[in-house]
Amino acid sequence: MIDIEFVQPDGTRERVFSREGYTLMEAAVRSGVAGILAECGGACACATCHVVVDDAWSETVGPPNSMEDQLLEMIDRAPTSRLACQVKLKQKLDGLVVHVPARE
């Protein structure tokens, strides 16, 4: 199992456990993490699963692909922004910390 910590805008932390091969978005939706809407169901078409990867994990997670990067350009992104639907969970991500941005 892969341990993931979601940090809400108010600082509340929620630990979620998922299996390798799922996406970060799938793990969040299955666990009911607030703020991860995933309106397009993981098709990289809406940016409603936007998260900000904790600086300590940004290198391990890696950068967005070109399609994801184009979507992220349309929102108020941070340097370590990712779409949760594009982050495949691997064992090396055990302990991952991501921040859920405030939704307007």
N, C-alpha and C. Protein backbone atom coordinates (compact mmCIF):
# COMPACT_ATOMS: atom_id res chain seq x y z
N MET A 1 0.84 -1.19 0.00
CA MET A 1 0.00 0.00 0.00
C MET A 1 0.88 1.25 0.00
N ILE A 2 0.36 2.27 -0.63
CA ILE A 2 1.07 3.54 -0.72
C ILE A 2 0.33 4.55 0.16
N ASP A 3 1.06 5.17 1.05
CA ASP A 3 0.54 6.15 2.00
C ASP A 3 0.67 7.54 1.39
N ILE A 4 -0.45 8.27 1.32
CA ILE A 4 -0.48 9.62 0.74
C ILE A 4 -1.13 10.54 1.76
N GLU A 5 -0.56 11.72 1.92
CA GLU A 5 -1.14 12.71 2.83
C GLU A 5 -1.62 13.91 2.02
N PHE A 6 -2.91 14.21 2.13
CA PHE A 6 -3.51 15.37 1.49
C PHE A 6 -3.64 16.47 2.55
N VAL A 7 -3.13 17.65 2.24
CA VAL A 7 -3.20 18.78 3.16
C VAL A 7 -4.22 19.77 2.60
N GLN A 8 -5.28 20.00 3.35
CA GLN A 8 -6.34 20.91 2.93
C GLN A 8 -5.91 22.37 3.14
N PRO A 9 -6.58 23.32 2.49
CA PRO A 9 -6.21 24.73 2.63
C PRO A 9 -6.18 25.23 4.08
N ASP A 10 -7.00 24.64 4.94
CA ASP A 10 -7.02 25.06 6.36
C ASP A 10 -5.95 24.35 7.20
N GLY A 11 -5.13 23.52 6.56
CA GLY A 11 -4.06 22.82 7.27
C GLY A 11 -4.43 21.42 7.73
N THR A 12 -5.70 21.07 7.62
CA THR A 12 -6.14 19.72 7.99
C THR A 12 -5.42 18.70 7.11
N ARG A 13 -4.98 17.62 7.72
CA ARG A 13 -4.25 16.58 6.99
C ARG A 13 -5.07 15.30 7.00
N GLU A 14 -5.11 14.66 5.84
CA GLU A 14 -5.86 13.41 5.70
C GLU A 14 -4.96 12.37 5.03
N ARG A 15 -4.80 11.23 5.70
CA ARG A 15 -3.99 10.15 5.14
C ARG A 15 -4.89 9.19 4.38
N VAL A 16 -4.41 8.81 3.21
CA VAL A 16 -5.12 7.91 2.31
C VAL A 16 -4.15 6.80 1.93
N PHE A 17 -4.66 5.61 1.78
CA PHE A 17 -3.84 4.49 1.35
C PHE A 17 -4.38 3.96 0.03
N SER A 18 -3.48 3.71 -0.90
CA SER A 18 -3.89 3.23 -2.22
C SER A 18 -2.89 2.21 -2.73
N ARG A 19 -3.25 1.60 -3.84
CA ARG A 19 -2.38 0.60 -4.45
C ARG A 19 -1.60 1.19 -5.61
N GLU A 20 -0.45 0.60 -5.86
CA GLU A 20 0.37 0.98 -7.00
C GLU A 20 -0.45 0.78 -8.28
N GLY A 21 -0.28 1.70 -9.23
CA GLY A 21 -1.00 1.62 -10.50
C GLY A 21 -2.22 2.52 -10.58
N TYR A 22 -2.81 2.85 -9.43
CA TYR A 22 -3.89 3.81 -9.42
C TYR A 22 -3.30 5.20 -9.63
N THR A 23 -4.15 6.16 -9.95
CA THR A 23 -3.67 7.54 -10.00
C THR A 23 -3.94 8.21 -8.66
N LEU A 24 -3.26 9.30 -8.44
CA LEU A 24 -3.48 10.09 -7.23
C LEU A 24 -4.93 10.54 -7.14
N MET A 25 -5.52 10.88 -8.29
CA MET A 25 -6.93 11.29 -8.33
C MET A 25 -7.84 10.13 -7.90
N GLU A 26 -7.60 8.94 -8.43
CA GLU A 26 -8.42 7.79 -8.05
C GLU A 26 -8.35 7.53 -6.56
N ALA A 27 -7.14 7.63 -6.00
CA ALA A 27 -6.98 7.43 -4.55
C ALA A 27 -7.78 8.46 -3.77
N ALA A 28 -7.73 9.71 -4.22
CA ALA A 28 -8.44 10.79 -3.52
C ALA A 28 -9.95 10.61 -3.62
N VAL A 29 -10.45 10.33 -4.82
CA VAL A 29 -11.89 10.19 -5.03
C VAL A 29 -12.43 8.99 -4.25
N ARG A 30 -11.74 7.87 -4.30
CA ARG A 30 -12.18 6.67 -3.58
C ARG A 30 -12.23 6.88 -2.08
N SER A 31 -11.39 7.79 -1.60
CA SER A 31 -11.34 8.05 -0.16
C SER A 31 -12.14 9.27 0.25
N GLY A 32 -12.76 9.95 -0.71
CA GLY A 32 -13.60 11.09 -0.40
C GLY A 32 -12.84 12.33 0.03
N VAL A 33 -11.64 12.53 -0.51
CA VAL A 33 -10.86 13.71 -0.15
C VAL A 33 -11.55 14.97 -0.69
N ALA A 34 -11.84 15.90 0.19
CA ALA A 34 -12.49 17.15 -0.19
C ALA A 34 -11.59 17.95 -1.11
N GLY A 35 -12.21 18.62 -2.10
CA GLY A 35 -11.46 19.49 -2.99
C GLY A 35 -10.92 18.83 -4.24
N ILE A 36 -11.04 17.51 -4.34
CA ILE A 36 -10.62 16.80 -5.54
C ILE A 36 -11.91 16.42 -6.27
N LEU A 37 -12.33 17.27 -7.21
CA LEU A 37 -13.62 17.08 -7.86
C LEU A 37 -13.59 16.06 -8.99
N ALA A 38 -12.52 16.07 -9.78
CA ALA A 38 -12.33 15.09 -10.86
C ALA A 38 -13.54 15.02 -11.79
N GLU A 39 -13.99 16.17 -12.23
CA GLU A 39 -15.19 16.25 -13.06
C GLU A 39 -15.07 15.50 -14.39
N CYS A 40 -13.88 15.42 -14.96
CA CYS A 40 -13.72 14.73 -16.25
C CYS A 40 -13.40 13.25 -16.06
N GLY A 41 -13.31 12.79 -14.82
CA GLY A 41 -13.08 11.38 -14.56
C GLY A 41 -11.67 10.91 -14.84
N GLY A 42 -10.74 11.83 -14.95
CA GLY A 42 -9.34 11.45 -15.15
C GLY A 42 -8.86 11.54 -16.58
N ALA A 43 -9.59 12.27 -17.41
CA ALA A 43 -9.24 12.38 -18.84
C ALA A 43 -8.29 13.54 -19.13
N CYS A 44 -7.78 14.20 -18.12
CA CYS A 44 -6.89 15.34 -18.29
C CYS A 44 -7.56 16.42 -19.13
N ALA A 45 -8.81 16.76 -18.75
CA ALA A 45 -9.58 17.72 -19.54
C ALA A 45 -10.21 18.84 -18.72
N CYS A 46 -10.05 18.84 -17.38
CA CYS A 46 -10.78 19.85 -16.62
C CYS A 46 -9.98 20.56 -15.53
N ALA A 47 -8.93 20.00 -15.04
CA ALA A 47 -8.09 20.57 -13.98
C ALA A 47 -8.78 20.66 -12.62
N THR A 48 -9.89 19.94 -12.41
CA THR A 48 -10.56 19.98 -11.11
C THR A 48 -9.94 19.00 -10.10
N CYS A 49 -8.85 18.37 -10.50
CA CYS A 49 -8.11 17.51 -9.56
C CYS A 49 -6.73 18.11 -9.28
N HIS A 50 -6.61 19.42 -9.50
CA HIS A 50 -5.35 20.14 -9.29
C HIS A 50 -4.87 19.97 -7.85
N VAL A 51 -3.61 19.63 -7.71
CA VAL A 51 -2.95 19.56 -6.41
C VAL A 51 -1.58 20.22 -6.54
N VAL A 52 -1.02 20.58 -5.41
CA VAL A 52 0.34 21.13 -5.38
C VAL A 52 1.19 20.13 -4.61
N VAL A 53 2.14 19.56 -5.30
CA VAL A 53 3.03 18.57 -4.69
C VAL A 53 3.95 19.28 -3.70
N ASP A 54 4.08 18.72 -2.52
CA ASP A 54 4.99 19.28 -1.52
C ASP A 54 6.39 19.37 -2.11
N ASP A 55 7.09 20.46 -1.82
CA ASP A 55 8.42 20.69 -2.38
C ASP A 55 9.35 19.49 -2.19
N ALA A 56 9.27 18.84 -1.04
CA ALA A 56 10.14 17.70 -0.76
C ALA A 56 9.90 16.52 -1.71
N TRP A 57 8.76 16.49 -2.37
CA TRP A 57 8.39 15.39 -3.25
C TRP A 57 8.39 15.75 -4.73
N SER A 58 8.60 17.00 -5.06
CA SER A 58 8.45 17.44 -6.45
C SER A 58 9.38 16.71 -7.42
N GLU A 59 10.59 16.48 -7.04
CA GLU A 59 11.53 15.78 -7.92
C GLU A 59 11.13 14.32 -8.12
N THR A 60 10.67 13.68 -7.08
CA THR A 60 10.27 12.27 -7.16
C THR A 60 9.02 12.12 -8.02
N VAL A 61 8.06 13.01 -7.87
CA VAL A 61 6.83 12.96 -8.67
C VAL A 61 7.12 13.30 -10.12
N GLY A 62 7.96 14.30 -10.32
CA GLY A 62 8.32 14.71 -11.67
C GLY A 62 7.42 15.80 -12.22
N PRO A 63 7.79 16.32 -13.39
CA PRO A 63 7.04 17.43 -13.98
C PRO A 63 5.81 16.95 -14.76
N PRO A 64 4.91 17.86 -15.08
CA PRO A 64 3.75 17.50 -15.89
C PRO A 64 4.14 17.24 -17.35
N ASN A 65 3.34 16.41 -18.03
CA ASN A 65 3.55 16.22 -19.47
C ASN A 65 3.00 17.44 -20.21
N SER A 66 3.17 17.51 -21.51
CA SER A 66 2.79 18.72 -22.25
C SER A 66 1.29 19.00 -22.22
N MET A 67 0.45 17.98 -22.32
CA MET A 67 -0.99 18.18 -22.27
C MET A 67 -1.42 18.70 -20.90
N GLU A 68 -0.89 18.09 -19.86
CA GLU A 68 -1.19 18.52 -18.49
C GLU A 68 -0.70 19.95 -18.27
N ASP A 69 0.48 20.25 -18.77
CA ASP A 69 1.05 21.58 -18.61
C ASP A 69 0.16 22.64 -19.25
N GLN A 70 -0.42 22.34 -20.40
CA GLN A 70 -1.32 23.29 -21.06
C GLN A 70 -2.56 23.57 -20.21
N LEU A 71 -3.11 22.54 -19.59
CA LEU A 71 -4.27 22.75 -18.70
C LEU A 71 -3.88 23.56 -17.47
N LEU A 72 -2.72 23.27 -16.92
CA LEU A 72 -2.27 23.98 -15.73
C LEU A 72 -2.03 25.46 -16.01
N GLU A 73 -1.70 25.79 -17.26
CA GLU A 73 -1.49 27.20 -17.62
C GLU A 73 -2.78 28.01 -17.51
N MET A 74 -3.93 27.35 -17.53
CA MET A 74 -5.22 28.04 -17.48
C MET A 74 -5.69 28.35 -16.06
N ILE A 75 -4.98 27.84 -15.07
CA ILE A 75 -5.39 28.05 -13.67
C ILE A 75 -4.29 28.76 -12.91
N ASP A 76 -4.58 29.11 -11.69
CA ASP A 76 -3.59 29.74 -10.81
C ASP A 76 -2.69 28.63 -10.26
N ARG A 77 -1.62 28.37 -10.97
CA ARG A 77 -0.76 27.24 -10.62
C ARG A 77 0.43 27.66 -9.78
N ALA A 78 0.98 26.68 -9.09
CA ALA A 78 2.21 26.86 -8.32
C ALA A 78 3.34 26.15 -9.09
N PRO A 79 4.58 26.38 -8.74
CA PRO A 79 5.68 25.71 -9.44
C PRO A 79 5.60 24.18 -9.40
N THR A 80 4.99 23.62 -8.36
CA THR A 80 4.90 22.16 -8.25
C THR A 80 3.48 21.65 -8.48
N SER A 81 2.67 22.42 -9.19
CA SER A 81 1.29 21.99 -9.49
C SER A 81 1.29 20.77 -10.39
N ARG A 82 0.35 19.89 -10.12
CA ARG A 82 0.11 18.72 -10.96
C ARG A 82 -1.39 18.46 -10.99
N LEU A 83 -1.83 17.73 -12.00
CA LEU A 83 -3.19 17.22 -12.01
C LEU A 83 -3.11 15.82 -11.43
N ALA A 84 -3.90 15.57 -10.41
CA ALA A 84 -3.83 14.28 -9.70
C ALA A 84 -4.13 13.11 -10.63
N CYS A 85 -4.90 13.35 -11.69
CA CYS A 85 -5.23 12.27 -12.62
C CYS A 85 -4.04 11.84 -13.45
N GLN A 86 -2.98 12.62 -13.45
CA GLN A 86 -1.80 12.32 -14.26
C GLN A 86 -0.64 11.77 -13.45
N VAL A 87 -0.83 11.63 -12.14
CA VAL A 87 0.22 11.10 -11.26
C VAL A 87 -0.08 9.65 -10.96
N LYS A 88 0.66 8.74 -11.60
CA LYS A 88 0.51 7.30 -11.36
C LYS A 88 1.23 6.94 -10.07
N LEU A 89 0.56 6.23 -9.21
CA LEU A 89 1.16 5.86 -7.93
C LEU A 89 2.12 4.69 -8.11
N LYS A 90 3.31 4.88 -7.57
CA LYS A 90 4.36 3.86 -7.57
C LYS A 90 4.87 3.75 -6.14
N GLN A 91 5.51 2.66 -5.84
CA GLN A 91 6.00 2.44 -4.48
C GLN A 91 6.93 3.57 -4.02
N LYS A 92 7.69 4.16 -4.94
CA LYS A 92 8.60 5.24 -4.56
C LYS A 92 7.86 6.49 -4.07
N LEU A 93 6.54 6.53 -4.26
CA LEU A 93 5.74 7.66 -3.79
C LEU A 93 5.11 7.40 -2.43
N ASP A 94 5.48 6.30 -1.78
CA ASP A 94 4.97 6.01 -0.45
C ASP A 94 5.38 7.13 0.51
N GLY A 95 4.39 7.77 1.13
CA GLY A 95 4.65 8.90 2.03
C GLY A 95 4.42 10.25 1.37
N LEU A 96 3.99 10.25 0.12
CA LEU A 96 3.77 11.47 -0.66
C LEU A 96 2.88 12.46 0.08
N VAL A 97 3.23 13.73 0.00
CA VAL A 97 2.44 14.80 0.59
C VAL A 97 2.05 15.75 -0.54
N VAL A 98 0.74 16.00 -0.67
CA VAL A 98 0.23 16.97 -1.65
C VAL A 98 -0.72 17.93 -0.96
N HIS A 99 -0.78 19.14 -1.48
CA HIS A 99 -1.64 20.18 -0.93
C HIS A 99 -2.82 20.39 -1.89
N VAL A 100 -4.01 20.45 -1.32
CA VAL A 100 -5.21 20.71 -2.10
C VAL A 100 -5.43 22.22 -2.08
N PRO A 101 -5.39 22.87 -3.25
CA PRO A 101 -5.57 24.33 -3.25
C PRO A 101 -7.00 24.72 -2.92
N ALA A 102 -7.17 25.93 -2.41
CA ALA A 102 -8.50 26.44 -2.14
C ALA A 102 -9.25 26.58 -3.44
N ARG A 103 -10.51 26.16 -3.46
CA ARG A 103 -11.36 26.26 -4.65
C ARG A 103 -12.25 27.47 -4.48
N GLU A 104 -12.43 28.19 -5.56
CA GLU A 104 -13.27 29.39 -5.49
C GLU A 104 -14.64 29.11 -6.02
